[in-house]
Amino acid sequence: MKKIFLFLCVGLLSLNGFAQKKATPKKSTTTASAFPKLDNLQVEVKNGNFQVTINEKGKASDAMIVKSADATFAPTNCKLSSFTASGVKLYLLTWTEMNTIKTGSKTEERTTIYSVIYEIASKKQVYSNYQLTNHITEIKSLGGTAATETQERLKREGFEFALNPDGSVTLKNKTQQAVYVYDKDKMEFKKK
């Protein structure tokens, strides 16, 4: 009985080893499928531009250029969402860009989060914001000797963006906080 039980356990373990899935290579994040689609909108990089393409009946009818894009442009965490503010349907596009600048003994790792709001009916950008975090690592010499030390600093620019459930926008940084509401007549966000 012990031999049968042992034989059964070894058989099950060997079957488990053969049933393992093989790892599949991940797709690049810069392909068109990595960019979001929502309603009749498609975010894409086309003809050297990062843009929001408006599709009608399955074909591109118009496009709003967000910014020019070169070969090194590789946005991450790209998201497109819709919301209502003051009875108007708006679209929020967010993405993150990461850059590393290395010069001699200094390295800067820059992370920039962009938030742009569009009103599609008028094909207009009604709000834009960025938040930059710059992590600086620098090797400094200590008073003419061969000794060095590594110094790290963190610099921030811009405002942290938050979309509220009522369609208003909150911007804050270390010293300030402000709330902006959408004025549908002037098609812009104004400070509350």
Protein backbone atom coordinates (compact mmCIF):
# COMPACT_ATOMS: atom_id res chain seq x y z
CA MET A 1 0.00 0.00 0.00
CA LYS A 2 2.87 2.35 0.81
CA LYS A 3 4.46 1.65 -2.57
CA ILE A 4 1.22 2.49 -4.41
CA PHE A 5 0.84 5.74 -2.49
CA LEU A 6 4.48 6.71 -3.13
CA PHE A 7 4.14 5.81 -6.83
CA LEU A 8 0.96 7.94 -7.09
CA CYS A 9 2.66 10.98 -5.44
CA VAL A 10 5.67 10.77 -7.77
CA GLY A 11 3.35 10.45 -10.77
CA LEU A 12 1.31 13.53 -9.80
CA LEU A 13 4.44 15.61 -9.21
CA SER A 14 5.88 14.67 -12.59
CA LEU A 15 2.60 15.59 -14.35
CA ASN A 16 2.64 18.95 -12.60
CA GLY A 17 6.16 19.60 -13.93
CA PHE A 18 5.06 18.94 -17.53
CA ALA A 19 1.96 21.12 -17.21
CA GLN A 20 3.86 24.33 -16.39
CA LYS A 21 3.16 27.25 -18.72
CA LYS A 22 5.97 28.65 -20.80
CA ALA A 23 6.78 32.32 -20.33
CA THR A 24 5.63 34.52 -23.19
CA PRO A 25 7.60 37.63 -24.10
CA LYS A 26 5.95 40.92 -23.12
CA LYS A 27 4.90 43.35 -25.79
CA SER A 28 6.55 46.75 -26.02
CA THR A 29 4.64 49.54 -24.26
CA THR A 30 5.08 51.90 -27.20
CA THR A 31 2.92 49.93 -29.62
CA ALA A 32 -0.39 51.37 -30.71
CA SER A 33 -2.26 48.76 -28.68
CA ALA A 34 -0.66 50.10 -25.48
CA PHE A 35 -2.37 53.45 -25.94
CA PRO A 36 -5.91 53.78 -24.58
CA LYS A 37 -9.17 53.92 -26.51
CA LEU A 38 -12.41 55.35 -25.14
CA ASP A 39 -15.69 55.96 -26.94
CA ASN A 40 -14.64 57.19 -30.40
CA LEU A 41 -11.20 58.41 -29.26
CA GLN A 42 -7.80 56.75 -29.78
CA VAL A 43 -4.55 58.01 -28.26
CA GLU A 44 -1.59 57.35 -30.57
CA VAL A 45 1.77 58.51 -31.89
CA LYS A 46 1.37 59.29 -35.57
CA ASN A 47 3.45 61.31 -38.04
CA GLY A 48 5.76 62.56 -35.27
CA ASN A 49 2.92 63.72 -33.03
CA PHE A 50 1.42 62.39 -29.81
CA GLN A 51 -2.28 62.89 -30.50
CA VAL A 52 -5.89 62.07 -29.70
CA THR A 53 -7.59 60.82 -32.86
CA ILE A 54 -11.35 61.21 -33.22
CA ASN A 55 -12.87 58.29 -35.13
CA GLU A 56 -16.25 58.40 -36.82
CA LYS A 57 -17.73 55.28 -38.39
CA GLY A 58 -14.43 53.44 -37.92
CA LYS A 59 -12.27 55.99 -39.73
CA ALA A 60 -10.13 58.82 -38.38
CA SER A 61 -11.98 62.07 -39.00
CA ASP A 62 -9.89 64.52 -36.96
CA ALA A 63 -7.04 64.67 -34.48
CA MET A 64 -5.97 66.93 -31.63
CA ILE A 65 -2.20 67.14 -31.30
CA VAL A 66 -1.07 66.86 -27.69
CA LYS A 67 2.65 67.40 -28.37
CA SER A 68 5.32 66.61 -30.92
CA ALA A 69 7.02 63.27 -30.40
CA ASP A 70 10.47 62.14 -31.47
CA ALA A 71 11.87 58.61 -31.69
CA THR A 72 12.76 58.57 -27.96
CA PHE A 73 9.23 59.49 -26.83
CA ALA A 74 7.96 56.61 -24.68
CA PRO A 75 5.04 57.54 -22.42
CA THR A 76 4.01 55.16 -19.65
CA ASN A 77 0.83 54.85 -17.59
CA CYS A 78 -1.15 56.45 -20.42
CA LYS A 79 -4.85 56.69 -19.46
CA LEU A 80 -7.92 58.26 -21.03
CA SER A 81 -11.11 58.76 -19.02
CA SER A 82 -14.32 60.74 -19.32
CA PHE A 83 -16.15 62.79 -16.70
CA THR A 84 -18.85 65.44 -16.48
CA ALA A 85 -18.23 68.98 -15.22
CA SER A 86 -20.97 71.65 -15.24
CA GLY A 87 -23.11 69.39 -17.44
CA VAL A 88 -20.41 69.05 -20.14
CA LYS A 89 -18.68 65.77 -21.00
CA LEU A 90 -14.90 66.19 -20.82
CA TYR A 91 -12.00 63.79 -21.34
CA LEU A 92 -8.90 63.52 -19.16
CA LEU A 93 -5.66 62.26 -20.70
CA THR A 94 -2.80 61.44 -18.31
CA TRP A 95 0.64 59.99 -19.01
CA THR A 96 4.08 59.79 -17.44
CA GLU A 97 7.43 60.52 -19.05
CA MET A 98 10.72 59.37 -17.51
CA ASN A 99 14.10 60.76 -18.54
CA THR A 100 17.59 60.13 -17.18
CA ILE A 101 20.30 62.73 -17.73
CA LYS A 102 23.82 61.64 -16.82
CA THR A 103 26.74 64.10 -16.93
CA GLY A 104 30.08 63.25 -15.35
CA SER A 105 29.44 62.83 -11.62
CA LYS A 106 25.79 63.93 -11.70
CA THR A 107 22.70 61.87 -12.53
CA GLU A 108 19.18 63.31 -12.82
CA GLU A 109 16.16 61.02 -12.96
CA ARG A 110 13.18 63.13 -14.07
CA THR A 111 9.63 61.84 -13.79
CA THR A 112 6.95 64.10 -15.25
CA ILE A 113 3.22 63.37 -14.92
CA TYR A 114 1.04 65.22 -17.43
CA SER A 115 -2.72 65.77 -17.15
CA VAL A 116 -4.65 67.34 -20.03
CA ILE A 117 -8.43 67.89 -20.24
CA TYR A 118 -10.24 68.13 -23.59
CA GLU A 119 -13.71 69.12 -24.69
CA ILE A 120 -14.22 66.96 -27.75
CA ALA A 121 -17.34 68.73 -29.10
CA SER A 122 -15.32 71.92 -29.70
CA LYS A 123 -12.02 70.04 -30.19
CA LYS A 124 -10.39 72.23 -27.56
CA GLN A 125 -7.88 71.66 -24.77
CA VAL A 126 -9.49 73.29 -21.72
CA TYR A 127 -6.85 72.52 -19.09
CA SER A 128 -3.29 71.26 -18.77
CA ASN A 129 -1.00 70.47 -15.82
CA TYR A 130 2.36 68.85 -15.15
CA GLN A 131 4.11 67.57 -12.05
CA LEU A 132 7.89 67.10 -12.22
CA THR A 133 9.92 65.12 -9.70
CA ASN A 134 13.68 65.38 -10.19
CA HIS A 135 15.87 62.96 -8.22
CA ILE A 136 19.47 64.24 -8.37
CA THR A 137 22.44 62.09 -7.34
CA GLU A 138 25.81 63.82 -7.34
CA ILE A 139 29.31 62.72 -6.33
CA LYS A 140 31.21 65.61 -4.72
CA SER A 141 34.86 65.89 -3.78
CA LEU A 142 35.67 66.66 -0.13
CA GLY A 143 38.13 69.55 0.05
CA GLY A 144 40.85 68.65 -2.45
CA THR A 145 41.39 65.13 -1.16
CA ALA A 146 40.65 61.92 -2.97
CA ALA A 147 37.67 61.37 -0.68
CA THR A 148 34.17 61.83 -2.16
CA GLU A 149 30.63 61.64 -0.94
CA THR A 150 27.38 60.97 -2.72
CA GLN A 151 24.67 63.59 -2.22
CA GLU A 152 21.02 63.09 -3.13
CA ARG A 153 18.39 65.79 -3.59
CA LEU A 154 14.75 65.70 -4.59
CA LYS A 155 13.27 68.71 -6.42
CA ARG A 156 9.61 69.11 -7.30
CA GLU A 157 7.93 71.47 -9.76
CA GLY A 158 4.33 72.02 -10.71
CA PHE A 159 1.23 70.80 -8.91
CA GLU A 160 -0.16 67.42 -7.94
CA PHE A 161 -3.37 66.96 -9.97
CA ALA A 162 -6.54 65.38 -8.57
CA LEU A 163 -9.89 65.07 -10.35
CA ASN A 164 -12.79 65.29 -7.89
CA PRO A 165 -16.06 63.31 -8.28
CA ASP A 166 -18.02 66.52 -9.01
CA GLY A 167 -15.79 67.36 -12.01
CA SER A 168 -13.72 70.00 -10.24
CA VAL A 169 -9.93 69.84 -10.15
CA THR A 170 -7.69 70.13 -7.09
CA LEU A 171 -4.10 71.25 -7.49
CA LYS A 172 -1.67 71.17 -4.60
CA ASN A 173 2.00 71.39 -3.81
CA LYS A 174 4.02 71.79 -0.63
CA THR A 175 2.74 75.30 0.14
CA GLN A 176 -0.52 75.79 -1.80
CA GLN A 177 -3.81 74.13 -2.62
CA ALA A 178 -6.45 75.38 -5.06
CA VAL A 179 -9.73 74.09 -6.49
CA TYR A 180 -10.76 74.86 -10.07
CA VAL A 181 -14.27 74.47 -11.53
CA TYR A 182 -15.28 74.32 -15.18
CA ASP A 183 -16.97 77.38 -16.73
CA LYS A 184 -18.90 75.98 -19.71
CA ASP A 185 -19.55 79.42 -21.25
CA LYS A 186 -15.85 80.35 -21.45
CA MET A 187 -14.75 76.70 -21.89
CA GLU A 188 -12.03 76.88 -19.23
CA PHE A 189 -11.34 75.97 -15.62
CA LYS A 190 -11.47 78.88 -13.17
CA LYS A 191 -10.29 79.13 -9.60
CA LYS A 192 -13.13 78.58 -7.14
